[in-house]
Amino acid sequence: MSRLATQRSLRSAWLAVLLACGCVAEQPVATPRDALGAYARAVRDGRLEDAYALLSEDAKKDLPYEAFSRMVTENPQEMRQLAGELTRPSGDPEVTATVTTPDGQALLLVLEKGRWRIDPSAIDLYSQVEPRAAIRSFVRAFDNRRYDILMRFVPDDKREGLDPAALRRAWEGEQKNEMRQIVRALDAALTTARVEQIGDRATMAYGAAGTVELVREHGLWKIEDIVR
């Protein structure tokens, strides 16, 4: 494993802590800030088993204790730096939960003043805030024949000569069957397909050999190309 990859894995492991856990030597942690502090102190003091106990179950599946212990002991400088960062968060922590619907859509909830509230992302039917959400929104807009919405997914340099009426003529005309096949394949792939993102560009494979390419413009993800 490269040094950069090791540092990234270490940083991910440090942030993947439980919000509450009573299985370590310190007092049970009741808040996110408590969890961060307990984790940082455990690593700083060399209590790696206690620190590892504070990782989430998903983190432990990806990072066995032996690998965790090795990364911490082999990167003492990064360990001290991150321990300091964890004990000095820049703001109050936000507690969230994610619920996945049967069609694979992730809905976000936020804990506010002791009550769970629905995040705006849960009611944004045509979200473009991240690549997977943009593809899902594209599929929904197509299924609902919302060509006005579909225009939002056209990058700036491809908009010339296009309008909702032009899209309707093409996608309900000679390209009708092709577009239906593409959209159904995208929909089928959304739940399990991996999205690769580098900066303001992202790709997702679908079907047998298809690829959808996205670009982020003005903070929103758009469909740059769909390759079959």
Protein backbone atom coordinates (compact mmCIF):
# COMPACT_ATOMS: atom_id res chain seq x y z
CA MET A 1 0.00 0.00 0.00
CA SER A 2 1.41 3.40 -0.91
CA ARG A 3 2.04 6.05 1.72
CA LEU A 4 -0.74 8.24 0.28
CA ALA A 5 -3.21 5.36 0.27
CA THR A 6 -2.22 4.48 3.83
CA GLN A 7 -2.80 8.05 4.98
CA ARG A 8 -6.19 8.16 3.29
CA SER A 9 -7.19 4.83 4.85
CA LEU A 10 -6.03 6.04 8.24
CA ARG A 11 -7.99 9.28 7.94
CA SER A 12 -11.12 7.35 6.88
CA ALA A 13 -10.75 4.98 9.79
CA TRP A 14 -10.39 7.82 12.26
CA LEU A 15 -13.58 9.47 11.08
CA ALA A 16 -15.65 6.25 11.02
CA VAL A 17 -16.48 6.23 14.74
CA LEU A 18 -19.67 5.21 16.49
CA LEU A 19 -21.84 7.93 17.96
CA ALA A 20 -22.24 5.98 21.17
CA CYS A 21 -20.27 3.07 22.59
CA GLY A 22 -19.84 1.74 26.11
CA CYS A 23 -17.23 -0.89 25.36
CA VAL A 24 -14.08 1.15 25.94
CA ALA A 25 -12.19 2.01 29.07
CA GLU A 26 -13.48 5.60 29.16
CA GLN A 27 -17.04 6.66 30.02
CA PRO A 28 -19.66 5.75 27.41
CA VAL A 29 -19.75 8.39 24.68
CA ALA A 30 -23.08 10.16 24.32
CA THR A 31 -22.44 12.68 21.54
CA PRO A 32 -20.39 12.83 18.33
CA ARG A 33 -17.95 15.21 20.02
CA ASP A 34 -17.53 12.72 22.88
CA ALA A 35 -16.83 9.93 20.39
CA LEU A 36 -14.21 11.97 18.56
CA GLY A 37 -12.52 12.93 21.81
CA ALA A 38 -12.52 9.38 23.16
CA TYR A 39 -11.11 8.04 19.92
CA ALA A 40 -8.39 10.67 19.69
CA ARG A 41 -7.32 10.14 23.31
CA ALA A 42 -7.23 6.37 22.88
CA VAL A 43 -4.97 6.60 19.83
CA ARG A 44 -2.80 9.29 21.39
CA ASP A 45 -2.32 7.17 24.53
CA GLY A 46 -1.56 4.03 22.55
CA ARG A 47 -4.78 2.27 23.59
CA LEU A 48 -5.36 0.89 20.13
CA GLU A 49 -7.86 -1.77 21.16
CA ASP A 50 -10.02 0.90 22.78
CA ALA A 51 -9.69 3.08 19.70
CA TYR A 52 -10.57 0.20 17.40
CA ALA A 53 -13.67 -0.56 19.48
CA LEU A 54 -14.95 2.91 18.60
CA LEU A 55 -14.90 2.23 14.86
CA SER A 56 -18.18 1.44 13.15
CA GLU A 57 -18.93 -2.14 12.18
CA ASP A 58 -18.57 -1.22 8.50
CA ALA A 59 -15.13 0.25 9.18
CA LYS A 60 -14.07 -2.92 10.99
CA LYS A 61 -15.17 -5.07 8.05
CA ASP A 62 -12.92 -3.10 5.70
CA LEU A 63 -10.09 -2.67 8.20
CA PRO A 64 -9.13 -5.63 10.45
CA TYR A 65 -7.54 -4.77 13.79
CA GLU A 66 -4.10 -5.93 12.67
CA ALA A 67 -4.16 -3.55 9.69
CA PHE A 68 -5.49 -0.72 11.85
CA SER A 69 -2.77 -1.23 14.46
CA ARG A 70 -0.08 -1.36 11.79
CA MET A 71 -1.24 1.86 10.13
CA VAL A 72 -1.30 3.75 13.41
CA THR A 73 2.12 2.56 14.58
CA GLU A 74 3.73 3.11 11.17
CA ASN A 75 2.44 6.69 10.89
CA PRO A 76 3.15 8.36 14.24
CA GLN A 77 3.38 11.89 12.80
CA GLU A 78 0.03 11.64 11.04
CA MET A 79 -1.40 10.05 14.18
CA ARG A 80 -0.47 13.04 16.34
CA GLN A 81 -1.73 15.51 13.74
CA LEU A 82 -5.10 13.84 13.32
CA ALA A 83 -5.52 13.34 17.06
CA GLY A 84 -5.13 17.08 17.47
CA GLU A 85 -7.61 17.80 14.69
CA LEU A 86 -10.23 15.47 16.14
CA THR A 87 -10.12 17.20 19.52
CA ARG A 88 -10.61 20.62 17.89
CA PRO A 89 -13.60 20.30 15.51
CA SER A 90 -14.34 23.46 13.55
CA GLY A 91 -18.00 23.49 14.52
CA ASP A 92 -20.79 21.67 16.26
CA PRO A 93 -21.23 18.13 14.90
CA GLU A 94 -24.32 17.29 12.88
CA VAL A 95 -25.99 13.94 13.52
CA THR A 96 -27.57 12.40 10.43
CA ALA A 97 -29.16 9.13 9.38
CA THR A 98 -29.68 7.65 5.94
CA VAL A 99 -32.69 5.57 4.93
CA THR A 100 -32.62 3.64 1.66
CA THR A 101 -35.87 3.15 -0.25
CA PRO A 102 -36.68 -0.08 -2.14
CA ASP A 103 -35.53 1.51 -5.41
CA GLY A 104 -32.13 2.32 -3.90
CA GLN A 105 -32.67 6.03 -3.28
CA ALA A 106 -30.93 7.33 -0.15
CA LEU A 107 -32.94 9.77 1.99
CA LEU A 108 -31.18 11.88 4.60
CA LEU A 109 -32.54 12.74 8.06
CA VAL A 110 -30.98 15.26 10.46
CA LEU A 111 -31.21 15.27 14.28
CA GLU A 112 -32.25 18.77 15.40
CA LYS A 113 -32.93 19.63 19.05
CA GLY A 114 -33.54 15.98 19.90
CA ARG A 115 -35.95 15.36 17.00
CA TRP A 116 -35.31 13.74 13.63
CA ARG A 117 -36.16 16.00 10.68
CA ILE A 118 -36.29 15.31 6.95
CA ASP A 119 -33.42 16.86 5.01
CA PRO A 120 -34.41 18.87 1.90
CA SER A 121 -32.67 16.25 -0.24
CA ALA A 122 -35.52 13.85 0.61
CA ILE A 123 -38.07 16.04 -1.17
CA ASP A 124 -35.93 17.17 -4.10
CA LEU A 125 -37.32 14.95 -6.85
CA TYR A 126 -34.77 16.13 -9.40
CA SER A 127 -31.63 16.60 -7.33
CA GLN A 128 -28.31 17.22 -9.08
CA VAL A 129 -26.17 17.65 -5.98
CA GLU A 130 -24.15 14.47 -6.58
CA PRO A 131 -23.61 12.19 -9.60
CA ARG A 132 -25.80 9.24 -8.60
CA ALA A 133 -28.65 11.55 -7.60
CA ALA A 134 -28.35 13.32 -10.97
CA ILE A 135 -28.62 10.06 -12.89
CA ARG A 136 -31.62 8.99 -10.82
CA SER A 137 -33.24 12.39 -11.41
CA PHE A 138 -32.56 12.09 -15.15
CA VAL A 139 -34.33 8.72 -15.20
CA ARG A 140 -37.30 10.10 -13.24
CA ALA A 141 -37.61 13.15 -15.49
CA PHE A 142 -37.52 10.94 -18.58
CA ASP A 143 -40.16 8.58 -17.20
CA ASN A 144 -42.37 11.56 -16.34
CA ARG A 145 -41.74 13.12 -19.78
CA ARG A 146 -40.52 16.31 -18.10
CA TYR A 147 -38.48 17.69 -20.94
CA ASP A 148 -38.27 21.05 -19.23
CA ILE A 149 -36.48 19.29 -16.34
CA LEU A 150 -34.33 17.23 -18.72
CA MET A 151 -32.92 20.46 -20.15
CA ARG A 152 -31.28 21.05 -16.75
CA PHE A 153 -29.05 18.04 -17.40
CA VAL A 154 -27.64 19.44 -20.65
CA PRO A 155 -24.15 20.96 -20.20
CA ASP A 156 -23.75 24.60 -21.24
CA ASP A 157 -21.67 23.82 -24.33
CA LYS A 158 -24.35 21.45 -25.69
CA ARG A 159 -27.42 23.62 -25.21
CA GLU A 160 -27.25 25.52 -28.49
CA GLY A 161 -30.25 24.64 -30.64
CA LEU A 162 -31.84 22.54 -27.90
CA ASP A 163 -35.06 23.19 -26.05
CA PRO A 164 -37.71 20.98 -24.41
CA ALA A 165 -39.64 20.68 -27.69
CA ALA A 166 -36.54 19.52 -29.56
CA LEU A 167 -35.81 16.90 -26.93
CA ARG A 168 -39.40 15.67 -27.08
CA ARG A 169 -39.33 15.35 -30.86
CA ALA A 170 -36.08 13.38 -30.79
CA TRP A 171 -36.76 11.15 -27.78
CA GLU A 172 -40.36 10.40 -28.65
CA GLY A 173 -39.56 10.10 -32.34
CA GLU A 174 -36.73 8.29 -34.09
CA GLN A 175 -34.69 7.85 -30.89
CA LYS A 176 -37.64 6.58 -28.84
CA ASN A 177 -36.70 2.90 -28.57
CA GLU A 178 -33.00 3.62 -28.08
CA MET A 179 -33.65 6.10 -25.27
CA ARG A 180 -36.05 3.75 -23.53
CA GLN A 181 -33.45 0.99 -23.56
CA ILE A 182 -30.76 3.33 -22.24
CA VAL A 183 -32.93 4.73 -19.45
CA ARG A 184 -34.09 1.29 -18.34
CA ALA A 185 -30.47 0.10 -18.24
CA LEU A 186 -29.46 3.16 -16.22
CA ASP A 187 -32.32 2.59 -13.80
CA ALA A 188 -31.35 -1.06 -13.33
CA ALA A 189 -27.72 -0.15 -12.64
CA LEU A 190 -28.32 2.68 -10.17
CA THR A 191 -28.61 0.55 -7.04
CA THR A 192 -25.33 -1.34 -7.38
CA ALA A 193 -23.18 0.43 -9.98
CA ARG A 194 -20.07 2.25 -8.81
CA VAL A 195 -19.68 5.95 -9.56
CA GLU A 196 -16.12 7.10 -10.22
CA GLN A 197 -15.56 10.79 -9.51
CA ILE A 198 -12.47 12.87 -10.20
CA GLY A 199 -12.93 16.55 -9.50
CA ASP A 200 -15.80 17.92 -11.57
CA ARG A 201 -16.18 14.80 -13.71
CA ALA A 202 -17.78 11.45 -12.94
CA THR A 203 -18.62 8.23 -14.75
CA MET A 204 -20.87 5.26 -14.06
CA ALA A 205 -20.89 1.99 -15.96
CA TYR A 206 -24.24 0.44 -16.83
CA GLY A 207 -25.57 -2.47 -18.83
CA ALA A 208 -23.14 -4.75 -20.62
CA ALA A 209 -20.65 -2.11 -21.69
CA GLY A 210 -22.33 1.28 -21.38
CA THR A 211 -20.99 4.37 -19.61
CA VAL A 212 -22.68 7.56 -18.54
CA GLU A 213 -20.35 10.56 -18.20
CA LEU A 214 -21.21 13.54 -16.01
CA VAL A 215 -19.76 17.01 -15.54
CA ARG A 216 -20.35 19.45 -12.67
CA GLU A 217 -21.28 22.97 -13.72
CA HIS A 218 -22.36 25.77 -11.38
CA GLY A 219 -22.45 23.23 -8.54
CA LEU A 220 -24.85 20.85 -10.34
CA TRP A 221 -24.14 17.54 -12.07
CA LYS A 222 -25.16 17.23 -15.72
CA ILE A 223 -25.13 14.42 -18.26
CA GLU A 224 -22.27 15.04 -20.64
CA ASP A 225 -22.54 11.81 -22.65
CA ILE A 226 -24.18 8.39 -22.60
CA VAL A 227 -22.18 5.72 -24.38
CA ARG A 228 -23.81 2.39 -25.21
